[in-house]
Protein backbone atom coordinates (compact mmCIF):
# COMPACT_ATOMS: atom_id res chain seq x y z
CA MET A 1 0.04 0.25 0.09
CA GLU A 2 1.31 3.52 -0.94
CA GLU A 3 1.67 6.67 1.09
CA GLN A 4 -0.26 9.53 0.34
CA VAL A 5 1.76 12.40 -0.93
CA SER A 6 2.07 15.59 1.92
CA GLY A 7 1.37 19.07 0.34
CA TRP A 8 0.92 18.15 -3.74
CA LYS A 9 -2.23 19.18 -5.06
CA GLY A 10 -3.87 17.85 -9.10
CA ILE A 11 -5.13 19.48 -11.52
CA VAL A 12 -6.86 17.62 -14.42
CA LEU A 13 -7.16 20.22 -17.65
CA ALA A 14 -10.10 18.85 -19.17
CA GLY A 15 -10.99 21.87 -21.61
CA GLY A 16 -11.14 22.34 -25.18
CA ALA A 17 -13.92 22.20 -27.84
CA GLY A 18 -13.08 18.80 -28.62
CA SER A 19 -13.16 19.83 -32.53
CA ARG A 20 -10.53 16.86 -33.57
CA LEU A 21 -13.25 14.36 -32.35
CA TYR A 22 -16.41 15.55 -34.03
CA PRO A 23 -19.26 15.04 -33.98
CA SER A 24 -18.66 12.48 -30.79
CA THR A 25 -18.20 15.61 -29.02
CA ALA A 26 -21.12 17.49 -30.68
CA ALA A 27 -22.99 16.82 -27.07
CA THR A 28 -20.37 16.20 -24.76
CA CYS A 29 -16.90 15.94 -24.24
CA LYS A 30 -14.56 14.40 -25.06
CA GLN A 31 -13.32 13.11 -21.49
CA LEU A 32 -16.71 11.54 -20.96
CA LEU A 33 -16.31 9.36 -23.82
CA PRO A 34 -15.44 5.59 -23.22
CA VAL A 35 -11.95 4.52 -23.68
CA TYR A 36 -13.00 0.85 -23.73
CA ASP A 37 -15.21 0.08 -20.24
CA LYS A 38 -14.34 3.74 -18.38
CA PRO A 39 -14.65 7.52 -19.13
CA MET A 40 -11.74 9.15 -20.32
CA ILE A 41 -11.00 11.15 -17.34
CA TYR A 42 -10.67 7.99 -15.00
CA TYR A 43 -7.56 7.06 -16.43
CA PRO A 44 -5.55 10.91 -15.88
CA ILE A 45 -7.21 10.91 -11.89
CA SER A 46 -6.00 7.45 -11.11
CA ILE A 47 -2.52 8.95 -12.51
CA LEU A 48 -2.58 11.77 -10.09
CA MET A 49 -4.37 9.26 -6.92
CA LEU A 50 -1.19 6.73 -7.62
CA GLY A 51 1.30 9.15 -6.98
CA GLY A 52 -1.02 9.92 -3.60
CA ILE A 53 -2.48 13.00 -4.35
CA SER A 54 -5.87 13.24 -2.69
CA GLU A 55 -7.01 17.28 -3.63
CA ILE A 56 -7.30 17.09 -7.25
CA LEU A 57 -8.65 20.29 -8.84
CA VAL A 58 -11.06 19.57 -12.49
CA ILE A 59 -10.94 22.43 -14.98
CA SER A 60 -13.24 22.07 -18.18
CA THR A 61 -15.75 24.20 -19.95
CA PRO A 62 -18.88 26.01 -18.67
CA ARG A 63 -20.74 23.59 -21.08
CA ASP A 64 -18.99 20.35 -19.83
CA LEU A 65 -18.29 21.47 -15.94
CA PRO A 66 -21.46 19.95 -14.67
CA LEU A 67 -21.66 16.74 -16.95
CA LEU A 68 -18.31 15.91 -14.71
CA ARG A 69 -19.51 17.21 -11.67
CA ASP A 70 -22.42 14.66 -12.37
CA LEU A 71 -19.98 11.95 -13.33
CA LEU A 72 -17.52 12.60 -10.13
CA GLY A 73 -19.37 14.23 -7.33
CA ASP A 74 -17.32 15.42 -4.44
CA GLY A 75 -14.78 12.49 -4.62
CA SER A 76 -15.64 11.32 -0.88
CA ARG A 77 -16.62 7.86 -2.40
CA VAL A 78 -13.19 7.09 -3.29
CA GLY A 79 -11.53 8.69 -0.36
CA VAL A 80 -10.08 11.85 -2.38
CA GLU A 81 -11.58 15.84 -2.76
CA PHE A 82 -12.65 17.04 -5.89
CA SER A 83 -12.89 20.78 -6.38
CA TYR A 84 -14.02 22.22 -10.04
CA ALA A 85 -13.44 25.23 -11.93
CA GLU A 86 -14.13 26.87 -15.24
CA GLN A 87 -12.00 27.61 -18.14
CA PRO A 88 -14.33 29.33 -20.07
CA ASN A 89 -12.40 29.70 -23.56
CA PRO A 90 -9.10 27.63 -24.52
CA GLY A 91 -6.94 29.76 -23.25
CA GLY A 92 -3.96 27.68 -23.32
CA ILE A 93 -2.33 24.56 -21.17
CA ALA A 94 -0.89 26.99 -18.52
CA GLU A 95 -3.55 28.76 -18.20
CA ALA A 96 -4.69 26.15 -16.03
CA PHE A 97 -2.62 27.39 -13.18
CA LEU A 98 -3.86 30.68 -12.98
CA VAL A 99 -7.45 29.38 -13.82
CA GLY A 100 -6.56 27.16 -10.25
CA GLU A 101 -4.62 29.55 -8.24
CA ASN A 102 -6.55 29.79 -5.23
CA PHE A 103 -6.55 25.93 -5.42
CA ILE A 104 -2.95 25.89 -5.54
CA GLY A 105 -2.33 28.18 -2.84
CA GLY A 106 1.36 28.11 -1.75
CA SER A 107 1.77 23.50 -2.78
CA PRO A 108 3.82 22.31 -5.37
CA THR A 109 1.29 21.03 -8.40
CA CYS A 110 1.02 17.92 -10.64
CA LEU A 111 -0.89 19.10 -13.93
CA ILE A 112 -2.13 16.35 -16.17
CA LEU A 113 -3.93 16.68 -19.25
CA GLY A 114 -7.49 14.91 -19.54
CA ASP A 115 -6.82 13.01 -22.61
CA ASN A 116 -3.40 10.92 -21.58
CA LEU A 117 -3.44 7.55 -20.33
CA PHE A 118 -0.08 6.10 -18.59
CA TYR A 119 0.50 2.24 -17.90
CA GLY A 120 2.95 -0.16 -17.13
CA ASP A 121 6.13 1.25 -14.90
CA MET A 122 4.52 3.86 -12.48
CA ARG A 123 7.49 4.67 -10.57
CA PHE A 124 8.27 8.02 -12.29
CA ILE A 125 5.38 9.58 -10.75
CA ARG A 126 6.56 9.26 -7.28
CA ARG A 127 10.00 10.25 -8.04
CA ALA A 128 8.97 13.19 -9.63
CA LEU A 129 6.81 13.91 -6.57
CA ALA A 130 9.91 13.41 -4.21
CA LYS A 131 11.60 16.80 -5.69
CA LYS A 132 10.59 19.75 -3.40
CA THR A 133 12.01 22.46 -5.96
CA GLY A 134 11.92 23.28 -9.40
CA GLY A 135 9.96 21.13 -12.32
CA THR A 136 9.81 18.06 -13.36
CA ILE A 137 8.43 16.62 -17.10
CA PHE A 138 9.41 13.74 -18.95
CA GLY A 139 10.48 12.21 -22.43
CA TYR A 140 8.69 9.58 -24.45
CA ALA A 141 10.10 8.22 -27.98
CA VAL A 142 7.42 8.43 -30.52
CA GLN A 143 7.38 8.60 -33.98
CA ASP A 144 5.57 11.85 -35.17
CA PRO A 145 7.22 14.13 -32.01
CA ALA A 146 6.20 17.55 -34.19
CA ARG A 147 2.55 16.85 -33.10
CA TYR A 148 4.12 17.71 -29.33
CA GLY A 149 6.21 19.75 -27.68
CA VAL A 150 10.02 17.94 -28.21
CA VAL A 151 12.59 17.90 -25.93
CA GLU A 152 16.47 17.72 -27.19
CA PHE A 153 19.15 16.44 -25.06
CA ASP A 154 22.80 16.36 -25.00
CA GLU A 155 25.16 13.77 -24.92
CA ALA A 156 24.82 13.35 -21.00
CA GLY A 157 20.97 13.02 -21.43
CA LYS A 158 20.52 16.83 -20.19
CA ALA A 159 18.05 18.64 -21.47
CA LEU A 160 19.12 21.26 -23.44
CA SER A 161 15.89 22.65 -25.24
CA ILE A 162 11.75 22.61 -25.59
CA GLU A 163 10.16 23.57 -28.77
CA GLU A 164 6.31 23.45 -29.35
CA LYS A 165 5.34 21.61 -32.43
CA PRO A 166 8.61 22.04 -34.53
CA LYS A 167 8.64 21.73 -38.31
CA ALA A 168 12.22 20.40 -37.58
CA PRO A 169 12.16 18.32 -34.50
CA LYS A 170 15.72 18.03 -33.08
CA SER A 171 14.57 14.74 -31.01
CA ASN A 172 11.95 12.26 -31.32
CA PHE A 173 11.58 12.59 -27.26
CA ALA A 174 7.89 14.10 -27.11
CA VAL A 175 6.57 15.70 -23.79
CA PRO A 176 3.42 14.01 -22.55
CA GLY A 177 0.84 15.82 -21.01
CA PHE A 178 1.84 15.10 -17.45
CA TYR A 179 3.75 18.08 -15.50
CA CYS A 180 5.20 18.68 -11.92
CA TYR A 181 6.19 22.25 -10.54
CA ASP A 182 6.65 23.66 -7.23
CA ASN A 183 4.55 26.80 -6.15
CA ARG A 184 6.22 29.40 -8.17
CA VAL A 185 4.77 27.72 -11.30
CA VAL A 186 1.42 30.63 -10.96
CA GLU A 187 3.93 33.70 -10.31
CA ILE A 188 6.20 32.17 -13.87
CA ALA A 189 2.33 31.72 -15.97
CA LYS A 190 1.22 35.03 -14.69
CA GLU A 191 4.44 36.06 -16.67
CA LEU A 192 4.11 34.40 -19.98
CA GLU A 193 2.89 36.57 -23.16
CA PRO A 194 0.25 34.67 -25.47
CA SER A 195 1.71 32.51 -28.14
CA ASP A 196 1.29 32.99 -32.06
CA ARG A 197 -2.59 30.61 -30.75
CA GLY A 198 -3.14 32.91 -28.47
CA GLU A 199 -2.38 30.55 -26.02
CA LEU A 200 -0.35 30.22 -22.89
CA GLU A 201 1.91 27.98 -23.88
CA ILE A 202 3.16 24.95 -21.23
CA THR A 203 6.40 24.64 -23.17
CA ASP A 204 7.00 28.36 -21.90
CA VAL A 205 6.57 27.05 -18.46
CA ASN A 206 9.42 24.23 -19.23
CA ARG A 207 11.81 27.11 -20.86
CA LYS A 208 11.50 29.36 -17.40
CA TYR A 209 12.46 26.53 -15.51
CA LEU A 210 14.99 25.23 -18.06
CA GLU A 211 16.88 28.64 -17.95
CA LYS A 212 16.87 28.76 -14.03
CA GLY A 213 18.72 25.36 -14.13
CA GLU A 214 15.84 24.02 -12.24
CA LEU A 215 13.68 21.42 -14.75
CA GLN A 216 13.99 17.69 -14.41
CA VAL A 217 13.61 16.04 -17.88
CA GLU A 218 13.06 12.31 -16.90
CA VAL A 219 12.99 10.03 -20.01
CA LEU A 220 10.32 7.62 -19.63
CA SER A 221 11.47 3.96 -19.50
CA ARG A 222 10.53 1.06 -22.50
CA GLY A 223 8.32 -0.39 -19.34
CA THR A 224 5.83 2.54 -19.67
CA ALA A 225 3.12 2.98 -22.43
CA TRP A 226 2.10 6.51 -22.85
CA LEU A 227 -1.40 7.22 -25.09
CA ASP A 228 -3.10 10.55 -25.68
CA MET A 229 -7.04 10.14 -26.96
CA GLY A 230 -7.57 13.35 -28.68
CA THR A 231 -8.24 11.76 -32.41
CA PRO A 232 -10.72 9.24 -33.31
CA ARG A 233 -7.78 7.02 -34.16
CA SER A 234 -5.96 7.38 -31.02
CA LEU A 235 -8.79 6.98 -28.98
CA LEU A 236 -9.49 3.56 -30.69
CA ASP A 237 -6.30 2.95 -30.28
CA ALA A 238 -6.40 3.47 -26.69
CA SER A 239 -9.50 1.49 -26.33
CA ASN A 240 -8.02 -1.67 -27.59
CA PHE A 241 -4.75 -1.66 -26.06
CA VAL A 242 -6.91 -1.67 -22.38
CA ALA A 243 -9.47 -4.03 -23.84
CA SER A 244 -6.01 -5.89 -24.68
CA ILE A 245 -4.38 -6.02 -21.79
CA GLU A 246 -7.56 -6.35 -19.10
CA SER A 247 -8.70 -9.27 -21.12
CA ARG A 248 -5.07 -11.04 -20.62
CA GLN A 249 -4.69 -9.84 -17.03
CA GLY A 250 -8.06 -10.00 -15.62
CA LEU A 251 -6.98 -6.83 -13.83
CA LYS A 252 -8.49 -2.92 -14.90
CA ILE A 253 -6.47 0.39 -15.84
CA GLY A 254 -7.64 3.49 -14.13
CA CYS A 255 -10.13 1.73 -12.07
CA LEU A 256 -10.08 4.52 -9.50
CA GLU A 257 -12.10 2.70 -7.06
CA GLU A 258 -9.10 -0.10 -6.79
CA VAL A 259 -6.79 2.63 -6.89
CA ALA A 260 -8.36 4.26 -4.20
CA PHE A 261 -8.49 0.71 -2.08
CA ARG A 262 -4.57 -0.10 -2.76
CA SER A 263 -3.22 3.52 -2.24
CA GLY A 264 -4.98 3.80 1.22
CA PHE A 265 -8.03 6.29 0.57
CA ILE A 266 -10.80 3.56 1.07
CA SER A 267 -11.12 0.67 3.49
CA ARG A 268 -11.73 -2.90 1.79
CA LYS A 269 -15.64 -2.86 3.49
CA GLN A 270 -15.68 0.62 1.47
CA LEU A 271 -14.50 -0.77 -1.79
CA ALA A 272 -17.37 -3.93 -1.10
CA ALA A 273 -20.13 -1.24 -0.99
CA LEU A 274 -19.00 0.27 -4.01
CA GLY A 275 -18.85 -3.17 -5.40
CA GLU A 276 -22.69 -3.87 -4.44
CA GLU A 277 -24.00 -0.69 -5.51
CA VAL A 278 -22.95 -1.58 -9.40
CA LYS A 279 -22.96 -5.23 -8.71
CA GLY A 280 -25.06 -5.88 -11.67
CA SER A 281 -21.95 -4.89 -14.38
CA GLU A 282 -18.79 -6.68 -14.82
CA TYR A 283 -17.22 -3.28 -13.32
CA GLY A 284 -19.24 -3.91 -9.85
CA ALA A 285 -18.23 -7.76 -10.17
CA TYR A 286 -14.50 -6.85 -10.20
CA LEU A 287 -14.68 -4.59 -7.29
CA LEU A 288 -16.12 -7.37 -5.46
CA SER A 289 -13.87 -9.79 -6.19
CA LEU A 290 -10.49 -7.41 -5.37
CA ALA A 291 -12.86 -7.01 -1.84
CA GLU A 292 -13.00 -10.57 -1.87
CA GLU A 293 -9.56 -11.03 -2.58
CA SER A 294 -8.12 -8.02 0.16
CA SER A 295 -10.57 -9.87 3.25
């Protein structure tokens, strides 16, 4: 059982218009679309919970925030505390720190994008949260780095530069949508100027920490899988990935109730009660089997 992390807070950015997934997002936000057997937003939330973070802010649009609140509630059923805040217009990833300023307070903060899925060796999360100052981001080898923020390393593995969606990437290491910073990130975000896209870019936040010599960039191991789910093809790929792993292992990915139980947020008795609520489903049967195995 993992210990809870003291002091850290988490933000899930679930905003945007979801235009790349139209028409599936015409009446709902993409973070509520199913990725195999769970809503998309379960997967990034589970990452924060795996890190031991129990205070989580969900940021979304005025239209979609009530739907997300209906799904997640106040978090008490899984032993965490969910807060909610509006991002009326897509103002960039870094704007999340301005929207969440009061929530963050004086705490260090992890920000994860609402369409990101991680699986496998998750120890990188705890390593990032063990740091007290500066920022930590990650590098992940991809075939199409021009779609992402790209980090360049020297021969010793030290980060040299970070570029946002470069036409000529200097490496094949993309920066996944999971970022950890000390509480100075709010002031850094306030100093940013909007990019040509009219957004506050997370790459500019990372550059600020890099210029200070306080940005750690960890290359994720081959034992870690990272998928984003923002296009029809990547959404299908993620669903197939989850289905394949769960079918093969009999274990679920991104199951908030299981993560809550294994992280010590809820008891075995509480887990069993959650399973009873939906015992007519495969999901409920899975929760009940976990509770029985752990008795």
